[in-house]
Amino acid sequence: PQYPMIPCNDSCSVVGKVIASQWPEETFS
């Protein structure tokens, strides 16, 4: 699945993945 582009470090990337997992992938299509 694709995650929202987050201009931040790896920690923010992990947060983005956690947030993305709360919604259907279609939300970020």
N, C-alpha and C. Protein backbone atom coordinates (compact mmCIF):
# COMPACT_ATOMS: atom_id res chain seq x y z
N PRO A 1 0.83 -1.22 0.00
CA PRO A 1 0.00 0.00 0.00
C PRO A 1 0.85 1.26 0.00
N GLN A 2 0.31 2.32 -0.50
CA GLN A 2 1.06 3.57 -0.56
C GLN A 2 0.71 4.43 0.65
N TYR A 3 1.72 5.12 1.16
CA TYR A 3 1.50 5.96 2.33
C TYR A 3 1.62 7.43 1.94
N PRO A 4 0.98 8.31 2.68
CA PRO A 4 1.07 9.74 2.39
C PRO A 4 2.50 10.22 2.48
N MET A 5 2.86 11.18 1.64
CA MET A 5 4.23 11.69 1.64
C MET A 5 4.45 12.54 2.88
N ILE A 6 5.35 12.11 3.73
CA ILE A 6 5.63 12.85 4.96
C ILE A 6 7.09 13.29 4.97
N PRO A 7 7.37 14.57 4.73
CA PRO A 7 8.74 15.08 4.72
C PRO A 7 9.31 15.12 6.13
N CYS A 8 9.76 14.00 6.61
CA CYS A 8 10.24 13.93 7.98
C CYS A 8 11.21 12.76 8.09
N ASN A 9 11.57 12.40 9.30
CA ASN A 9 12.53 11.33 9.49
C ASN A 9 11.82 9.97 9.54
N ASP A 10 12.56 8.90 9.85
CA ASP A 10 11.98 7.57 9.85
C ASP A 10 10.85 7.46 10.88
N SER A 11 10.97 8.18 11.97
CA SER A 11 9.94 8.11 13.01
C SER A 11 8.61 8.58 12.45
N CYS A 12 8.63 9.67 11.69
CA CYS A 12 7.40 10.18 11.10
C CYS A 12 6.88 9.20 10.06
N SER A 13 7.78 8.52 9.37
CA SER A 13 7.36 7.54 8.38
C SER A 13 6.59 6.41 9.05
N VAL A 14 7.08 5.98 10.21
CA VAL A 14 6.39 4.93 10.95
C VAL A 14 5.02 5.41 11.39
N VAL A 15 4.95 6.65 11.84
CA VAL A 15 3.67 7.22 12.26
C VAL A 15 2.71 7.26 11.08
N GLY A 16 3.23 7.63 9.91
CA GLY A 16 2.40 7.68 8.71
C GLY A 16 1.83 6.31 8.38
N LYS A 17 2.65 5.28 8.56
CA LYS A 17 2.17 3.92 8.27
C LYS A 17 1.09 3.52 9.25
N VAL A 18 1.27 3.90 10.52
CA VAL A 18 0.26 3.57 11.53
C VAL A 18 -1.04 4.29 11.23
N ILE A 19 -0.94 5.56 10.85
CA ILE A 19 -2.13 6.34 10.51
C ILE A 19 -2.81 5.74 9.29
N ALA A 20 -2.01 5.37 8.28
CA ALA A 20 -2.56 4.82 7.05
C ALA A 20 -3.28 3.52 7.32
N SER A 21 -2.82 2.76 8.30
CA SER A 21 -3.42 1.46 8.59
C SER A 21 -4.81 1.62 9.20
N GLN A 22 -5.16 2.84 9.61
CA GLN A 22 -6.46 3.07 10.23
C GLN A 22 -7.55 3.32 9.19
N TRP A 23 -7.15 3.55 7.92
CA TRP A 23 -8.12 3.82 6.86
C TRP A 23 -7.87 2.89 5.69
N PRO A 24 -8.88 2.69 4.85
CA PRO A 24 -8.71 1.87 3.64
C PRO A 24 -7.65 2.49 2.74
N GLU A 25 -6.97 1.66 1.96
CA GLU A 25 -5.93 2.16 1.07
C GLU A 25 -6.53 3.13 0.06
N GLU A 26 -7.82 3.00 -0.22
CA GLU A 26 -8.47 3.87 -1.20
C GLU A 26 -8.39 5.33 -0.78
N THR A 27 -8.24 5.57 0.53
CA THR A 27 -8.18 6.94 1.02
C THR A 27 -6.99 7.67 0.43
N PHE A 28 -5.91 6.92 0.18
CA PHE A 28 -4.68 7.56 -0.30
C PHE A 28 -4.45 7.30 -1.78
N SER A 29 -5.46 6.77 -2.48
CA SER A 29 -5.29 6.47 -3.90
C SER A 29 -5.29 7.77 -4.70
